[in-house]
Amino acid sequence: MALLFLGAKDHRITAQELRDLESEFGRLNVETSRSVLKLYQTRKNAAGAESGPTRQAPLPRIEM
C-alpha cells in the first residue's frame, strides 16, 4: 500500500509511516494472506459466472 502512496503526485509519506507499514507487512501470515486472496478470487469468478453474457436491448424502430 505504501508503494502506491509513493507514486501519488500530491501525497507524501513520512519515513516513520513507511517503517510502520513495512513492519506491519512483515507480520503478515503468508498462508492467511493466500487464503484471503483465494476467497476473493473465488467470489469474483462466481459473480462473473452468475451474471453470464449480457446483451443490450434492441434499439426501437423509428418510422419516418
Protein backbone atom coordinates (compact mmCIF):
# COMPACT_ATOMS: atom_id res chain seq x y z
CA MET A 1 0.00 0.00 0.00
CA ALA A 2 2.79 2.39 0.87
CA LEU A 3 4.27 1.97 -2.59
CA LEU A 4 1.06 3.28 -4.10
CA PHE A 5 1.34 6.41 -1.99
CA LEU A 6 4.93 6.93 -3.04
CA GLY A 7 3.81 7.22 -6.65
CA ALA A 8 0.94 9.62 -5.93
CA LYS A 9 1.56 13.16 -7.11
CA ASP A 10 0.29 15.11 -4.10
CA HIS A 11 0.80 12.64 -1.28
CA ARG A 12 3.80 12.48 0.96
CA ILE A 13 4.55 9.67 3.37
CA THR A 14 6.98 10.09 6.22
CA ALA A 15 9.88 7.74 6.80
CA GLN A 16 8.24 6.69 10.09
CA GLU A 17 4.97 5.82 8.34
CA LEU A 18 6.89 3.79 5.79
CA ARG A 19 8.76 1.90 8.54
CA ASP A 20 5.49 1.23 10.37
CA LEU A 21 3.85 -0.10 7.21
CA GLU A 22 6.89 -2.23 6.46
CA SER A 23 6.72 -3.66 9.97
CA GLU A 24 3.02 -4.48 9.53
CA PHE A 25 3.78 -6.14 6.22
CA GLY A 26 6.49 -8.24 7.86
CA ARG A 27 3.98 -9.58 10.39
CA LEU A 28 1.58 -10.88 7.74
CA ASN A 29 0.94 -14.59 7.76
CA VAL A 30 1.59 -15.89 4.24
CA GLU A 31 -0.94 -18.73 4.41
CA THR A 32 -3.68 -16.44 5.73
CA SER A 33 -2.95 -13.91 3.00
CA ARG A 34 -3.14 -16.62 0.35
CA SER A 35 -6.43 -17.94 1.69
CA VAL A 36 -7.93 -14.43 1.67
CA LEU A 37 -6.80 -13.89 -1.92
CA LYS A 38 -8.19 -17.28 -2.94
CA LEU A 39 -11.55 -16.46 -1.35
CA TYR A 40 -11.62 -13.09 -3.13
CA GLN A 41 -10.81 -14.70 -6.49
CA THR A 42 -13.44 -17.41 -5.96
CA ARG A 43 -16.12 -14.82 -5.20
CA LYS A 44 -15.09 -12.70 -8.16
CA ASN A 45 -15.19 -15.68 -10.52
CA ALA A 46 -18.54 -16.85 -9.12
CA ALA A 47 -20.07 -13.40 -9.58
CA GLY A 48 -18.89 -13.33 -13.18
CA ALA A 49 -20.26 -16.80 -13.90
CA GLU A 50 -23.69 -16.00 -12.42
CA SER A 51 -24.22 -12.90 -14.49
CA GLY A 52 -23.45 -14.68 -17.76
CA PRO A 53 -23.13 -12.82 -21.02
CA THR A 54 -25.07 -9.60 -21.18
CA ARG A 55 -26.90 -8.28 -24.22
CA GLN A 56 -28.12 -4.82 -24.91
CA ALA A 57 -31.78 -4.26 -25.61
CA PRO A 58 -32.54 -3.71 -29.29
CA LEU A 59 -32.96 -0.13 -30.40
CA PRO A 60 -36.57 0.94 -31.05
CA ARG A 61 -37.59 1.27 -34.66
CA ILE A 62 -38.21 4.77 -35.85
CA GLU A 63 -40.57 5.08 -38.78
CA MET A 64 -40.41 8.13 -41.00
